[in-house]
C-alpha atoms as a PDB file:
ATOM      1  CA  MET A   1      15.409   4.989 -15.091  1.00  0.00           C
ATOM      2  CA  PRO A   2      15.790   6.784 -11.739  1.00  0.00           C
ATOM      3  CA  ASN A   3      17.442   5.083  -8.811  1.00  0.00           C
ATOM      4  CA  PRO A   4      15.047   3.041  -6.684  1.00  0.00           C
ATOM      5  CA  VAL A   5      13.496   5.221  -4.019  1.00  0.00           C
ATOM      6  CA  ALA A   6      12.659   3.854  -0.601  1.00  0.00           C
ATOM      7  CA  LEU A   7       8.890   3.813  -0.185  1.00  0.00           C
ATOM      8  CA  SER A   8       9.054   5.908   2.970  1.00  0.00           C
ATOM      9  CA  ASN A   9      11.016   8.628   1.132  1.00  0.00           C
ATOM     10  CA  LEU A  10       8.558   8.593  -1.753  1.00  0.00           C
ATOM     11  CA  LEU A  11       5.596   8.906   0.610  1.00  0.00           C
ATOM     12  CA  HIS A  12       7.336  11.697   2.549  1.00  0.00           C
ATOM     13  CA  HIS A  13       7.796  13.779  -0.582  1.00  0.00           C
ATOM     14  CA  ILE A  14       4.212  13.535  -1.821  1.00  0.00           C
ATOM     15  CA  GLY A  15       2.984  15.640   1.086  1.00  0.00           C
ATOM     16  CA  VAL A  16      -0.632  16.590   0.531  1.00  0.00           C
ATOM     17  CA  MET A  17      -1.607  13.314  -1.137  1.00  0.00           C
ATOM     18  CA  GLN A  18      -1.606  11.568   2.220  1.00  0.00           C
ATOM     19  CA  LEU A  19      -2.326   7.854   2.408  1.00  0.00           C
ATOM     20  CA  SER A  20      -4.770   6.326   4.850  1.00  0.00           C
ATOM     21  CA  ALA A  21      -3.401   4.112   7.599  1.00  0.00           C
ATOM     22  CA  PHE A  22      -5.058   1.205   5.775  1.00  0.00           C
ATOM     23  CA  SER A  23      -3.000   1.823   2.619  1.00  0.00           C
ATOM     24  CA  ASP A  24       0.173   2.412   4.615  1.00  0.00           C
ATOM     25  CA  TYR A  25      -0.258  -0.858   6.512  1.00  0.00           C
ATOM     26  CA  ALA A  26      -1.173  -2.721   3.311  1.00  0.00           C
ATOM     27  CA  LEU A  27       2.130  -1.612   1.774  1.00  0.00           C
ATOM     28  CA  ARG A  28       4.035  -2.550   4.933  1.00  0.00           C
ATOM     29  CA  SER A  29       2.407  -5.993   4.890  1.00  0.00           C
ATOM     30  CA  LEU A  30       3.335  -6.535   1.249  1.00  0.00           C
ATOM     31  CA  MET A  31       6.910  -5.425   1.955  1.00  0.00           C
ATOM     32  CA  PHE A  32       7.108  -7.879   4.845  1.00  0.00           C
ATOM     33  CA  LEU A  33       5.884 -10.724   2.656  1.00  0.00           C
ATOM     34  CA  ALA A  34       8.315  -9.779  -0.102  1.00  0.00           C
ATOM     35  CA  VAL A  35      11.319 -10.301   2.164  1.00  0.00           C
ATOM     36  CA  ALA A  36       9.923 -13.190   4.239  1.00  0.00           C
ATOM     37  CA  GLY A  37      10.663 -15.822   1.611  1.00  0.00           C
ATOM     38  CA  ASP A  38       8.281 -18.506   0.426  1.00  0.00           C
ATOM     39  CA  ARG A  39       6.898 -19.476   3.802  1.00  0.00           C
ATOM     40  CA  PRO A  40       3.319 -18.555   4.703  1.00  0.00           C
ATOM     41  CA  VAL A  41       3.380 -15.661   7.183  1.00  0.00           C
ATOM     42  CA  PRO A  42       0.566 -15.387   9.737  1.00  0.00           C
ATOM     43  CA  ALA A  43      -1.121 -11.982   9.986  1.00  0.00           C
ATOM     44  CA  ARG A  44      -0.283 -12.047  13.706  1.00  0.00           C
ATOM     45  CA  GLU A  45       3.415 -12.109  12.870  1.00  0.00           C
ATOM     46  CA  ILE A  46       3.092  -9.152  10.508  1.00  0.00           C
ATOM     47  CA  ALA A  47       1.147  -7.224  13.151  1.00  0.00           C
ATOM     48  CA  ALA A  48       3.678  -8.031  15.881  1.00  0.00           C
ATOM     49  CA  ARG A  49       6.761  -7.172  13.800  1.00  0.00           C
ATOM     50  CA  HIS A  50       5.274  -3.829  12.742  1.00  0.00           C
ATOM     51  CA  GLY A  51       3.704  -3.025  16.122  1.00  0.00           C
ATOM     52  CA  LEU A  52       0.225  -2.890  14.596  1.00  0.00           C
ATOM     53  CA  SER A  53      -3.167  -4.103  15.764  1.00  0.00           C
ATOM     54  CA  PHE A  54      -3.823  -7.705  14.734  1.00  0.00           C
ATOM     55  CA  ASP A  55      -7.458  -6.871  13.918  1.00  0.00           C
ATOM     56  CA  HIS A  56      -6.338  -4.121  11.549  1.00  0.00           C
ATOM     57  CA  VAL A  57      -3.787  -6.383   9.839  1.00  0.00           C
ATOM     58  CA  ALA A  58      -6.387  -9.164   9.554  1.00  0.00           C
ATOM     59  CA  LYS A  59      -8.705  -6.771   7.640  1.00  0.00           C
ATOM     60  CA  ILE A  60      -5.801  -5.732   5.442  1.00  0.00           C
ATOM     61  CA  ALA A  61      -4.941  -9.384   4.796  1.00  0.00           C
ATOM     62  CA  GLN A  62      -8.525 -10.028   3.669  1.00  0.00           C
ATOM     63  CA  PHE A  63      -8.369  -7.014   1.346  1.00  0.00           C
ATOM     64  CA  LEU A  64      -4.986  -8.054  -0.113  1.00  0.00           C
ATOM     65  CA  ALA A  65      -6.269 -11.595  -0.723  1.00  0.00           C
ATOM     66  CA  ARG A  66      -9.557 -10.378  -2.248  1.00  0.00           C
ATOM     67  CA  GLU A  67      -7.657  -8.038  -4.592  1.00  0.00           C
ATOM     68  CA  GLY A  68      -5.238 -10.787  -5.661  1.00  0.00           C
ATOM     69  CA  PHE A  69      -2.049  -9.382  -4.144  1.00  0.00           C
ATOM     70  CA  VAL A  70      -1.624 -12.262  -1.683  1.00  0.00           C
ATOM     71  CA  VAL A  71      -2.680 -15.861  -1.329  1.00  0.00           C
ATOM     72  CA  ALA A  72      -4.104 -16.709   2.092  1.00  0.00           C
ATOM     73  CA  THR A  73      -4.022 -20.228   3.475  1.00  0.00           C
ATOM     74  CA  ARG A  74      -6.037 -21.139   6.562  1.00  0.00           C
ATOM     75  CA  GLY A  75      -5.037 -23.545   9.264  1.00  0.00           C
ATOM     76  CA  ARG A  76      -2.188 -24.334  11.585  1.00  0.00           C
ATOM     77  CA  SER A  77       0.559 -23.874   9.001  1.00  0.00           C
ATOM     78  CA  GLY A  78      -1.346 -21.223   7.074  1.00  0.00           C
ATOM     79  CA  GLY A  79      -0.625 -17.600   6.458  1.00  0.00           C
ATOM     80  CA  LEU A  80      -0.052 -15.117   3.676  1.00  0.00           C
ATOM     81  CA  ARG A  81       2.240 -15.200   0.651  1.00  0.00           C
ATOM     82  CA  LEU A  82       2.609 -12.837  -2.247  1.00  0.00           C
ATOM     83  CA  ALA A  83       0.431 -13.948  -5.166  1.00  0.00           C
ATOM     84  CA  ARG A  84       3.077 -12.815  -7.647  1.00  0.00           C
ATOM     85  CA  PRO A  85       6.684 -11.609  -7.571  1.00  0.00           C
ATOM     86  CA  PRO A  86       7.369  -8.134  -6.079  1.00  0.00           C
ATOM     87  CA  GLU A  87       8.486  -6.961  -9.537  1.00  0.00           C
ATOM     88  CA  GLU A  88       4.907  -7.490 -10.743  1.00  0.00           C
ATOM     89  CA  ILE A  89       3.123  -5.689  -7.902  1.00  0.00           C
ATOM     90  CA  VAL A  90       2.634  -2.072  -8.946  1.00  0.00           C
ATOM     91  CA  ILE A  91       2.428   0.329  -6.018  1.00  0.00           C
ATOM     92  CA  GLY A  92      -0.092   2.533  -7.848  1.00  0.00           C
ATOM     93  CA  ASP A  93      -2.418  -0.452  -8.269  1.00  0.00           C
ATOM     94  CA  VAL A  94      -2.271  -1.256  -4.544  1.00  0.00           C
ATOM     95  CA  ILE A  95      -2.931   2.359  -3.551  1.00  0.00           C
ATOM     96  CA  ARG A  96      -5.756   2.904  -6.082  1.00  0.00           C
ATOM     97  CA  ARG A  97      -7.569  -0.144  -4.754  1.00  0.00           C
ATOM     98  CA  SER A  98      -6.943   0.535  -1.067  1.00  0.00           C
ATOM     99  CA  GLU A  99      -7.858   4.224  -1.390  1.00  0.00           C
ATOM    100  CA  ALA A 100     -10.946   3.635  -3.571  1.00  0.00           C
ATOM    101  CA  GLY A 101     -13.576   6.230  -2.774  1.00  0.00           C
ATOM    102  CA  SER A 102     -11.191   8.635  -1.100  1.00  0.00           C
ATOM    103  CA  GLY A 103      -9.544  11.707  -2.506  1.00  0.00           C
ATOM    104  CA  PRO A 104      -7.707  14.812  -1.399  1.00  0.00           C
ATOM    105  CA  ALA A 105     -10.962  16.808  -1.378  1.00  0.00           C
ATOM    106  CA  GLU A 106     -14.656  16.078  -0.936  1.00  0.00           C
ATOM    107  CA  CYS A 107     -15.376  16.815  -4.606  1.00  0.00           C
ATOM    108  CA  LEU A 108     -13.115  13.939  -5.718  1.00  0.00           C
ATOM    109  CA  ARG A 109     -14.619  11.245  -3.466  1.00  0.00           C
ATOM    110  CA  GLY A 110     -17.634  10.427  -5.607  1.00  0.00           C
ATOM    111  CA  GLY A 111     -20.292  11.135  -2.991  1.00  0.00           C
ATOM    112  CA  PRO A 112     -22.475  14.083  -2.091  1.00  0.00           C
ATOM    113  CA  VAL A 113     -20.620  17.403  -1.978  1.00  0.00           C
ATOM    114  CA  SER A 114     -21.490  20.038   0.627  1.00  0.00           C
ATOM    115  CA  CYS A 115     -19.227  22.746  -0.807  1.00  0.00           C
ATOM    116  CA  VAL A 116     -21.269  25.660  -2.131  1.00  0.00           C
ATOM    117  CA  LEU A 117     -18.581  26.369  -4.736  1.00  0.00           C
ATOM    118  CA  ALA A 118     -18.828  22.898  -6.311  1.00  0.00           C
ATOM    119  CA  PRO A 119     -21.021  23.918  -9.271  1.00  0.00           C
ATOM    120  CA  VAL A 120     -18.622  26.679 -10.331  1.00  0.00           C
ATOM    121  CA  CYS A 121     -15.314  25.539  -8.847  1.00  0.00           C
ATOM    122  CA  GLY A 122     -12.153  25.450 -10.907  1.00  0.00           C
ATOM    123  CA  MET A 123     -10.235  23.685  -8.121  1.00  0.00           C
ATOM    124  CA  THR A 124     -11.777  20.257  -8.818  1.00  0.00           C
ATOM    125  CA  PRO A 125     -10.009  19.671 -12.161  1.00  0.00           C
ATOM    126  CA  ILE A 126      -6.748  20.992 -10.704  1.00  0.00           C
ATOM    127  CA  LEU A 127      -6.927  18.570  -7.768  1.00  0.00           C
ATOM    128  CA  ALA A 128      -7.974  15.741 -10.094  1.00  0.00           C
ATOM    129  CA  GLU A 129      -4.921  16.417 -12.251  1.00  0.00           C
ATOM    130  CA  ALA A 130      -2.656  16.424  -9.190  1.00  0.00           C
ATOM    131  CA  GLN A 131      -4.204  13.192  -7.949  1.00  0.00           C
ATOM    132  CA  GLU A 132      -3.657  11.551 -11.332  1.00  0.00           C
ATOM    133  CA  ALA A 133      -0.017  12.720 -11.352  1.00  0.00           C
ATOM    134  CA  PHE A 134       0.379  11.151  -7.909  1.00  0.00           C
ATOM    135  CA  PHE A 135      -0.970   7.812  -9.152  1.00  0.00           C
ATOM    136  CA  ALA A 136       1.022   8.045 -12.392  1.00  0.00           C
ATOM    137  CA  ALA A 137       4.234   8.313 -10.342  1.00  0.00           C
ATOM    138  CA  LEU A 138       3.246   5.289  -8.259  1.00  0.00           C
ATOM    139  CA  ASP A 139       2.253   3.358 -11.395  1.00  0.00           C
ATOM    140  CA  ARG A 140       5.905   3.506 -12.471  1.00  0.00           C
ATOM    141  CA  ARG A 141       7.085   1.824  -9.251  1.00  0.00           C
ATOM    142  CA  THR A 142       6.894  -1.749  -8.065  1.00  0.00           C
ATOM    143  CA  LEU A 143       7.092  -3.365  -4.676  1.00  0.00           C
ATOM    144  CA  ALA A 144      10.565  -4.628  -5.628  1.00  0.00           C
ATOM    145  CA  GLU A 145      11.778  -1.035  -6.027  1.00  0.00           C
ATOM    146  CA  ALA A 146      10.606  -0.249  -2.498  1.00  0.00           C
ATOM    147  CA  LEU A 147      12.938  -3.007  -1.273  1.00  0.00           C
ATOM    148  CA  PRO A 148      16.267  -2.398  -2.994  1.00  0.00           C
ATOM    149  CA  ARG A 149      18.189  -4.158  -0.189  1.00  0.00           C
ATOM    150  CA  HIS A 150      16.487  -7.157   1.413  1.00  0.00           C
ATOM    151  CA  ALA A 151      19.088  -7.916   4.101  1.00  0.00           C
ATOM    152  CA  PRO A 152      18.662  -4.676   6.114  1.00  0.00           C
ATOM    153  CA  VAL A 153      14.867  -4.913   5.847  1.00  0.00           C
ATOM    154  CA  ARG A 154      14.968  -8.512   7.058  1.00  0.00           C
ATOM    155  CA  ARG A 155      17.143  -7.454  10.015  1.00  0.00           C
ATOM    156  CA  VAL A 156      14.809  -4.611  10.983  1.00  0.00           C
ATOM    157  CA  LEU A 157      11.845  -6.980  10.831  1.00  0.00           C
ATOM    158  CA  GLY A 158      13.613  -9.645  12.877  1.00  0.00           C
ATOM    159  CA  LEU A 159      13.663 -12.170  10.036  1.00  0.00           C
ATOM    160  CA  VAL A 160      17.376 -12.964  10.212  1.00  0.00           C
ATOM    161  CA  GLY A 161      18.408 -16.294  11.580  1.00  0.00           C
END
């Protein structure tokens, strides 16, 4: 098995298969929760520690809860927690769900296609194959592998102390 690769390095090397900000922030939120311990973490805290919009993180939190990646508890002492251990959260699963309906080209997004070449194009199966290879690589990686060293991540996020 290859050495664990930091998520940012993995995403840097995939180049053209660019993730949406939504997927990027969903992964960051999951990483935060993975190192935060068992306490419920408010979405406001995740947003503040990452320098993100609270409204955006709140939408991501709803998505992550709806998809079963986190458990959300309302109220004064509420917040988010991982629904299962980081070793059981497959990065490919998170990205497939958060990127549903998007693709590297219009012909792979499942909607109407304006490209005049679409009926005769040989690029569509090539891009589909590349997209599947992208997901196959992410299907072999878990959230735990994106966090090989918790202590430095906790320090960067201000969770030490």
